[in-house]
Amino acid sequence: MKRLFFVSLTILLLCAVMANAAEMEKTKIAVASSDKTAKASVSNEAAKCPYYLIFDSKGELTGVIDNPYKNASRGAGPSAANFLAQRGVTIIIAGKFGSKMINTLESKGVAHFESNGSVNDAVKRALEGG
């Protein structure tokens, strides 16, 4: 009986670890950036930043996207949020977010974090859970 209990417990723990690992593999981070390099500063404007730098779950830079909404006169927040969600982004980092962008991100199941400093440091903090 005890053996069956421990085998069952081990299987459950293993499943939880595997599920967490699979979820981490799906992580795709977009950082609002002032420039095209990971050494750049995190932009204070989530919706109207010049660029979005894309990182994988290991913190590796995988792409740079010119923000098509950086000069929008209205609706930049929801438009940028939808744009990034359609590209599979699961986390967005910026200095500040507007309420309309936050509402759209939440409706899409995309997490958002406010951070400043270098893009690299912000990604590391997000991946560490901070």
N, C-alpha and C. Protein backbone atom coordinates (compact mmCIF):
# COMPACT_ATOMS: atom_id res chain seq x y z
N MET A 1 0.83 -1.20 0.00
CA MET A 1 0.00 0.00 0.00
C MET A 1 0.87 1.26 0.00
N LYS A 2 1.91 1.27 0.87
CA LYS A 2 2.79 2.43 0.93
C LYS A 2 3.52 2.61 -0.40
N ARG A 3 3.91 1.51 -0.99
CA ARG A 3 4.64 1.57 -2.26
C ARG A 3 3.76 2.20 -3.33
N LEU A 4 2.52 1.80 -3.41
CA LEU A 4 1.58 2.36 -4.39
C LEU A 4 1.41 3.86 -4.17
N PHE A 5 1.33 4.24 -2.90
CA PHE A 5 1.19 5.67 -2.57
C PHE A 5 2.40 6.46 -3.07
N PHE A 6 3.60 5.97 -2.81
CA PHE A 6 4.81 6.68 -3.22
C PHE A 6 4.98 6.70 -4.74
N VAL A 7 4.61 5.63 -5.40
CA VAL A 7 4.67 5.60 -6.86
C VAL A 7 3.70 6.63 -7.43
N SER A 8 2.50 6.67 -6.89
CA SER A 8 1.49 7.63 -7.34
C SER A 8 1.96 9.06 -7.10
N LEU A 9 2.51 9.32 -5.93
CA LEU A 9 3.01 10.65 -5.60
C LEU A 9 4.15 11.05 -6.54
N THR A 10 5.04 10.14 -6.83
CA THR A 10 6.16 10.40 -7.74
C THR A 10 5.64 10.73 -9.14
N ILE A 11 4.66 10.01 -9.61
CA ILE A 11 4.08 10.27 -10.93
C ILE A 11 3.43 11.64 -10.97
N LEU A 12 2.70 11.99 -9.94
CA LEU A 12 2.06 13.31 -9.89
C LEU A 12 3.10 14.43 -9.90
N LEU A 13 4.15 14.30 -9.12
CA LEU A 13 5.20 15.32 -9.08
C LEU A 13 5.90 15.43 -10.43
N LEU A 14 6.15 14.31 -11.06
CA LEU A 14 6.80 14.30 -12.36
C LEU A 14 5.92 15.00 -13.40
N CYS A 15 4.64 14.74 -13.37
CA CYS A 15 3.70 15.40 -14.29
C CYS A 15 3.70 16.92 -14.08
N ALA A 16 3.72 17.34 -12.83
CA ALA A 16 3.73 18.78 -12.53
C ALA A 16 5.00 19.42 -13.04
N VAL A 17 6.14 18.78 -12.87
CA VAL A 17 7.41 19.31 -13.36
C VAL A 17 7.40 19.40 -14.88
N MET A 18 6.90 18.36 -15.53
CA MET A 18 6.86 18.35 -16.99
C MET A 18 5.91 19.42 -17.53
N ALA A 19 4.78 19.61 -16.86
CA ALA A 19 3.83 20.64 -17.29
C ALA A 19 4.45 22.03 -17.16
N ASN A 20 5.18 22.26 -16.07
CA ASN A 20 5.85 23.55 -15.87
C ASN A 20 6.92 23.78 -16.93
N ALA A 21 7.67 22.75 -17.26
CA ALA A 21 8.71 22.86 -18.28
C ALA A 21 8.09 23.16 -19.64
N ALA A 22 6.98 22.50 -19.95
CA ALA A 22 6.31 22.74 -21.23
C ALA A 22 5.78 24.18 -21.29
N GLU A 23 5.26 24.67 -20.18
CA GLU A 23 4.76 26.05 -20.14
C GLU A 23 5.89 27.05 -20.34
N MET A 24 7.05 26.80 -19.73
CA MET A 24 8.20 27.68 -19.90
C MET A 24 8.66 27.72 -21.34
N GLU A 25 8.58 26.59 -22.05
CA GLU A 25 9.00 26.55 -23.45
C GLU A 25 8.12 27.44 -24.32
N LYS A 26 6.87 27.65 -23.90
CA LYS A 26 5.94 28.48 -24.65
C LYS A 26 6.16 29.97 -24.38
N THR A 27 6.95 30.30 -23.38
CA THR A 27 7.16 31.68 -22.99
C THR A 27 7.82 32.45 -24.12
N LYS A 28 7.22 33.58 -24.45
CA LYS A 28 7.75 34.49 -25.47
C LYS A 28 7.59 35.89 -24.91
N ILE A 29 8.70 36.56 -24.71
CA ILE A 29 8.71 37.86 -24.05
C ILE A 29 8.96 38.97 -25.06
N ALA A 30 8.15 40.01 -25.01
CA ALA A 30 8.37 41.22 -25.80
C ALA A 30 8.72 42.34 -24.84
N VAL A 31 9.80 43.05 -25.15
CA VAL A 31 10.21 44.18 -24.32
C VAL A 31 10.13 45.45 -25.16
N ALA A 32 9.40 46.44 -24.66
CA ALA A 32 9.36 47.75 -25.31
C ALA A 32 10.74 48.37 -25.16
N SER A 33 11.34 48.70 -26.29
CA SER A 33 12.74 49.13 -26.25
C SER A 33 12.95 50.44 -26.99
N SER A 34 13.97 51.17 -26.54
CA SER A 34 14.34 52.43 -27.19
C SER A 34 15.26 52.21 -28.39
N ASP A 35 15.81 50.99 -28.52
CA ASP A 35 16.75 50.69 -29.61
C ASP A 35 16.63 49.20 -29.96
N LYS A 36 17.39 48.76 -30.96
CA LYS A 36 17.29 47.41 -31.48
C LYS A 36 18.20 46.39 -30.80
N THR A 37 18.87 46.77 -29.72
CA THR A 37 19.78 45.83 -29.05
C THR A 37 19.33 45.55 -27.63
N ALA A 38 19.73 44.41 -27.11
CA ALA A 38 19.36 44.01 -25.75
C ALA A 38 20.03 44.89 -24.69
N LYS A 39 21.04 45.66 -25.09
CA LYS A 39 21.69 46.58 -24.15
C LYS A 39 20.95 47.90 -24.02
N ALA A 40 19.93 48.09 -24.85
CA ALA A 40 19.15 49.33 -24.85
C ALA A 40 18.34 49.45 -23.56
N SER A 41 17.77 50.62 -23.36
CA SER A 41 16.90 50.86 -22.21
C SER A 41 15.48 50.41 -22.51
N VAL A 42 14.81 49.94 -21.47
CA VAL A 42 13.39 49.64 -21.59
C VAL A 42 12.67 50.97 -21.82
N SER A 43 11.80 51.00 -22.81
CA SER A 43 11.05 52.21 -23.12
C SER A 43 9.97 52.46 -22.06
N ASN A 44 9.75 53.73 -21.74
CA ASN A 44 8.68 54.09 -20.81
C ASN A 44 7.31 53.94 -21.44
N GLU A 45 7.24 53.88 -22.75
CA GLU A 45 5.95 53.82 -23.44
C GLU A 45 5.73 52.43 -24.03
N ALA A 46 4.85 51.68 -23.42
CA ALA A 46 4.59 50.31 -23.89
C ALA A 46 4.00 50.30 -25.29
N ALA A 47 3.06 51.17 -25.55
CA ALA A 47 2.35 51.15 -26.83
C ALA A 47 3.04 51.94 -27.93
N LYS A 48 3.80 52.95 -27.56
CA LYS A 48 4.40 53.84 -28.57
C LYS A 48 5.92 53.79 -28.58
N CYS A 49 6.47 52.69 -28.10
CA CYS A 49 7.93 52.52 -28.14
C CYS A 49 8.38 52.33 -29.59
N PRO A 50 9.64 52.62 -29.88
CA PRO A 50 10.12 52.42 -31.25
C PRO A 50 10.20 50.95 -31.67
N TYR A 51 10.58 50.06 -30.72
CA TYR A 51 10.81 48.65 -31.07
C TYR A 51 10.31 47.72 -29.97
N TYR A 52 10.01 46.49 -30.38
CA TYR A 52 9.77 45.40 -29.44
C TYR A 52 10.86 44.37 -29.68
N LEU A 53 11.61 44.05 -28.64
CA LEU A 53 12.62 43.00 -28.72
C LEU A 53 11.98 41.72 -28.20
N ILE A 54 12.15 40.64 -28.95
CA ILE A 54 11.50 39.38 -28.63
C ILE A 54 12.53 38.39 -28.07
N PHE A 55 12.20 37.78 -26.94
CA PHE A 55 13.08 36.83 -26.27
C PHE A 55 12.35 35.52 -26.05
N ASP A 56 13.12 34.42 -26.04
CA ASP A 56 12.55 33.11 -25.75
C ASP A 56 12.60 32.84 -24.25
N SER A 57 12.22 31.62 -23.87
CA SER A 57 12.15 31.26 -22.45
C SER A 57 13.51 31.15 -21.78
N LYS A 58 14.57 31.15 -22.58
CA LYS A 58 15.93 31.09 -22.02
C LYS A 58 16.57 32.47 -21.94
N GLY A 59 15.82 33.51 -22.35
CA GLY A 59 16.35 34.86 -22.31
C GLY A 59 17.19 35.22 -23.52
N GLU A 60 17.08 34.43 -24.59
CA GLU A 60 17.83 34.69 -25.81
C GLU A 60 17.02 35.60 -26.73
N LEU A 61 17.66 36.62 -27.26
CA LEU A 61 17.01 37.52 -28.22
C LEU A 61 16.76 36.76 -29.51
N THR A 62 15.51 36.70 -29.93
CA THR A 62 15.15 35.96 -31.15
C THR A 62 14.65 36.85 -32.27
N GLY A 63 14.35 38.11 -31.96
CA GLY A 63 13.85 38.99 -33.01
C GLY A 63 13.66 40.42 -32.54
N VAL A 64 13.56 41.29 -33.53
CA VAL A 64 13.30 42.71 -33.29
C VAL A 64 12.15 43.11 -34.21
N ILE A 65 11.15 43.76 -33.64
CA ILE A 65 9.99 44.19 -34.41
C ILE A 65 9.88 45.71 -34.33
N ASP A 66 9.83 46.38 -35.48
CA ASP A 66 9.51 47.80 -35.49
C ASP A 66 8.05 47.94 -35.07
N ASN A 67 7.78 48.82 -34.14
CA ASN A 67 6.42 49.00 -33.65
C ASN A 67 5.59 49.78 -34.68
N PRO A 68 4.59 49.15 -35.29
CA PRO A 68 3.78 49.84 -36.28
C PRO A 68 2.84 50.89 -35.68
N TYR A 69 2.71 50.92 -34.37
CA TYR A 69 1.79 51.85 -33.70
C TYR A 69 2.51 52.98 -32.97
N LYS A 70 3.81 53.12 -33.18
CA LYS A 70 4.58 54.12 -32.44
C LYS A 70 4.13 55.55 -32.73
N ASN A 71 3.54 55.79 -33.89
CA ASN A 71 3.09 57.14 -34.25
C ASN A 71 1.57 57.26 -34.29
N ALA A 72 0.87 56.27 -33.76
CA ALA A 72 -0.59 56.30 -33.78
C ALA A 72 -1.12 57.45 -32.95
N SER A 73 -2.12 58.13 -33.46
CA SER A 73 -2.69 59.24 -32.70
C SER A 73 -3.72 58.75 -31.69
N ARG A 74 -4.34 57.59 -31.96
CA ARG A 74 -5.33 57.03 -31.03
C ARG A 74 -5.30 55.51 -31.12
N GLY A 75 -5.61 54.87 -30.02
CA GLY A 75 -5.77 53.42 -29.99
C GLY A 75 -4.48 52.62 -30.06
N ALA A 76 -3.36 53.25 -29.75
CA ALA A 76 -2.08 52.55 -29.84
C ALA A 76 -2.00 51.38 -28.86
N GLY A 77 -2.50 51.56 -27.65
CA GLY A 77 -2.39 50.52 -26.62
C GLY A 77 -3.08 49.23 -27.00
N PRO A 78 -4.39 49.27 -27.27
CA PRO A 78 -5.07 48.03 -27.67
C PRO A 78 -4.53 47.45 -28.97
N SER A 79 -4.18 48.31 -29.91
CA SER A 79 -3.64 47.82 -31.19
C SER A 79 -2.31 47.10 -30.99
N ALA A 80 -1.42 47.68 -30.21
CA ALA A 80 -0.11 47.06 -29.94
C ALA A 80 -0.29 45.75 -29.17
N ALA A 81 -1.21 45.75 -28.21
CA ALA A 81 -1.46 44.53 -27.42
C ALA A 81 -1.95 43.40 -28.32
N ASN A 82 -2.89 43.69 -29.20
CA ASN A 82 -3.40 42.67 -30.13
C ASN A 82 -2.31 42.21 -31.09
N PHE A 83 -1.52 43.15 -31.59
CA PHE A 83 -0.42 42.86 -32.51
C PHE A 83 0.56 41.86 -31.89
N LEU A 84 0.95 42.10 -30.65
CA LEU A 84 1.90 41.22 -29.98
C LEU A 84 1.27 39.87 -29.60
N ALA A 85 0.04 39.89 -29.16
CA ALA A 85 -0.65 38.64 -28.80
C ALA A 85 -0.79 37.73 -30.03
N GLN A 86 -1.06 38.32 -31.19
CA GLN A 86 -1.17 37.53 -32.42
C GLN A 86 0.15 36.88 -32.80
N ARG A 87 1.24 37.42 -32.32
CA ARG A 87 2.56 36.87 -32.60
C ARG A 87 3.03 35.89 -31.52
N GLY A 88 2.13 35.55 -30.61
CA GLY A 88 2.42 34.53 -29.60
C GLY A 88 3.14 35.02 -28.37
N VAL A 89 3.20 36.33 -28.19
CA VAL A 89 3.86 36.89 -27.00
C VAL A 89 3.03 36.54 -25.76
N THR A 90 3.72 36.08 -24.71
CA THR A 90 3.03 35.71 -23.47
C THR A 90 3.32 36.68 -22.33
N ILE A 91 4.40 37.47 -22.46
CA ILE A 91 4.78 38.45 -21.45
C ILE A 91 5.25 39.71 -22.17
N ILE A 92 4.80 40.87 -21.69
CA ILE A 92 5.27 42.14 -22.23
C ILE A 92 5.86 42.95 -21.08
N ILE A 93 7.01 43.55 -21.35
CA ILE A 93 7.71 44.37 -20.36
C ILE A 93 7.86 45.77 -20.92
N ALA A 94 7.56 46.77 -20.10
CA ALA A 94 7.74 48.18 -20.48
C ALA A 94 7.83 49.01 -19.20
N GLY A 95 8.24 50.26 -19.36
CA GLY A 95 8.32 51.16 -18.22
C GLY A 95 6.95 51.48 -17.65
N LYS A 96 5.99 51.73 -18.54
CA LYS A 96 4.62 52.06 -18.11
C LYS A 96 3.63 51.54 -19.14
N PHE A 97 2.45 51.20 -18.64
CA PHE A 97 1.36 50.72 -19.49
C PHE A 97 0.13 51.60 -19.26
N GLY A 98 -0.59 51.88 -20.32
CA GLY A 98 -1.86 52.58 -20.20
C GLY A 98 -2.96 51.60 -19.84
N SER A 99 -4.05 52.12 -19.28
CA SER A 99 -5.13 51.25 -18.81
C SER A 99 -5.80 50.48 -19.96
N LYS A 100 -5.92 51.08 -21.12
CA LYS A 100 -6.55 50.39 -22.25
C LYS A 100 -5.67 49.24 -22.75
N MET A 101 -4.38 49.45 -22.74
CA MET A 101 -3.48 48.37 -23.15
C MET A 101 -3.52 47.24 -22.13
N ILE A 102 -3.54 47.58 -20.85
CA ILE A 102 -3.62 46.56 -19.80
C ILE A 102 -4.90 45.74 -19.95
N ASN A 103 -6.01 46.40 -20.19
CA ASN A 103 -7.29 45.69 -20.35
C ASN A 103 -7.23 44.71 -21.52
N THR A 104 -6.64 45.14 -22.63
CA THR A 104 -6.54 44.27 -23.80
C THR A 104 -5.59 43.11 -23.53
N LEU A 105 -4.46 43.38 -22.89
CA LEU A 105 -3.52 42.31 -22.55
C LEU A 105 -4.18 41.27 -21.66
N GLU A 106 -4.90 41.72 -20.65
CA GLU A 106 -5.57 40.80 -19.73
C GLU A 106 -6.61 39.96 -20.46
N SER A 107 -7.33 40.57 -21.40
CA SER A 107 -8.35 39.82 -22.15
C SER A 107 -7.72 38.77 -23.06
N LYS A 108 -6.46 38.96 -23.42
CA LYS A 108 -5.74 38.02 -24.28
C LYS A 108 -4.91 37.02 -23.48
N GLY A 109 -4.89 37.17 -22.17
CA GLY A 109 -4.11 36.27 -21.32
C GLY A 109 -2.61 36.54 -21.38
N VAL A 110 -2.24 37.77 -21.69
CA VAL A 110 -0.82 38.15 -21.78
C VAL A 110 -0.43 38.89 -20.50
N ALA A 111 0.64 38.44 -19.87
CA ALA A 111 1.12 39.08 -18.64
C ALA A 111 1.89 40.35 -19.00
N HIS A 112 1.89 41.31 -18.08
CA HIS A 112 2.66 42.54 -18.31
C HIS A 112 3.40 42.90 -17.03
N PHE A 113 4.62 43.41 -17.21
CA PHE A 113 5.44 43.81 -16.09
C PHE A 113 6.03 45.18 -16.36
N GLU A 114 5.97 46.04 -15.37
CA GLU A 114 6.64 47.33 -15.48
C GLU A 114 8.06 47.19 -14.97
N SER A 115 8.99 47.68 -15.74
CA SER A 115 10.40 47.58 -15.39
C SER A 115 11.15 48.71 -16.06
N ASN A 116 12.31 49.05 -15.52
CA ASN A 116 13.17 50.03 -16.16
C ASN A 116 14.58 49.48 -16.19
N GLY A 117 15.51 50.26 -16.68
CA GLY A 117 16.88 49.78 -16.81
C GLY A 117 17.12 49.17 -18.17
N SER A 118 18.09 48.28 -18.26
CA SER A 118 18.41 47.68 -19.55
C SER A 118 17.40 46.57 -19.89
N VAL A 119 17.23 46.34 -21.16
CA VAL A 119 16.35 45.28 -21.64
C VAL A 119 16.81 43.93 -21.09
N ASN A 120 18.10 43.64 -21.18
CA ASN A 120 18.64 42.37 -20.68
C ASN A 120 18.28 42.14 -19.23
N ASP A 121 18.48 43.14 -18.39
CA ASP A 121 18.18 43.00 -16.97
C ASP A 121 16.70 42.78 -16.73
N ALA A 122 15.85 43.47 -17.48
CA ALA A 122 14.40 43.31 -17.33
C ALA A 122 13.97 41.90 -17.68
N VAL A 123 14.54 41.34 -18.74
CA VAL A 123 14.20 39.97 -19.14
C VAL A 123 14.65 38.98 -18.07
N LYS A 124 15.84 39.17 -17.54
CA LYS A 124 16.33 38.28 -16.48
C LYS A 124 15.41 38.31 -15.27
N ARG A 125 14.99 39.52 -14.87
CA ARG A 125 14.09 39.65 -13.72
C ARG A 125 12.75 38.94 -13.99
N ALA A 126 12.22 39.09 -15.19
CA ALA A 126 10.94 38.46 -15.53
C ALA A 126 11.06 36.94 -15.51
N LEU A 127 12.14 36.42 -16.03
CA LEU A 127 12.32 34.97 -16.04
C LEU A 127 12.58 34.39 -14.66
N GLU A 128 13.11 35.21 -13.77
CA GLU A 128 13.34 34.77 -12.39
C GLU A 128 12.10 34.94 -11.53
N GLY A 129 11.05 35.50 -12.12
CA GLY A 129 9.80 35.68 -11.39
C GLY A 129 9.67 36.99 -10.67
N GLY A 130 10.61 37.91 -10.93
CA GLY A 130 10.59 39.20 -10.23
C GLY A 130 10.21 40.28 -11.14
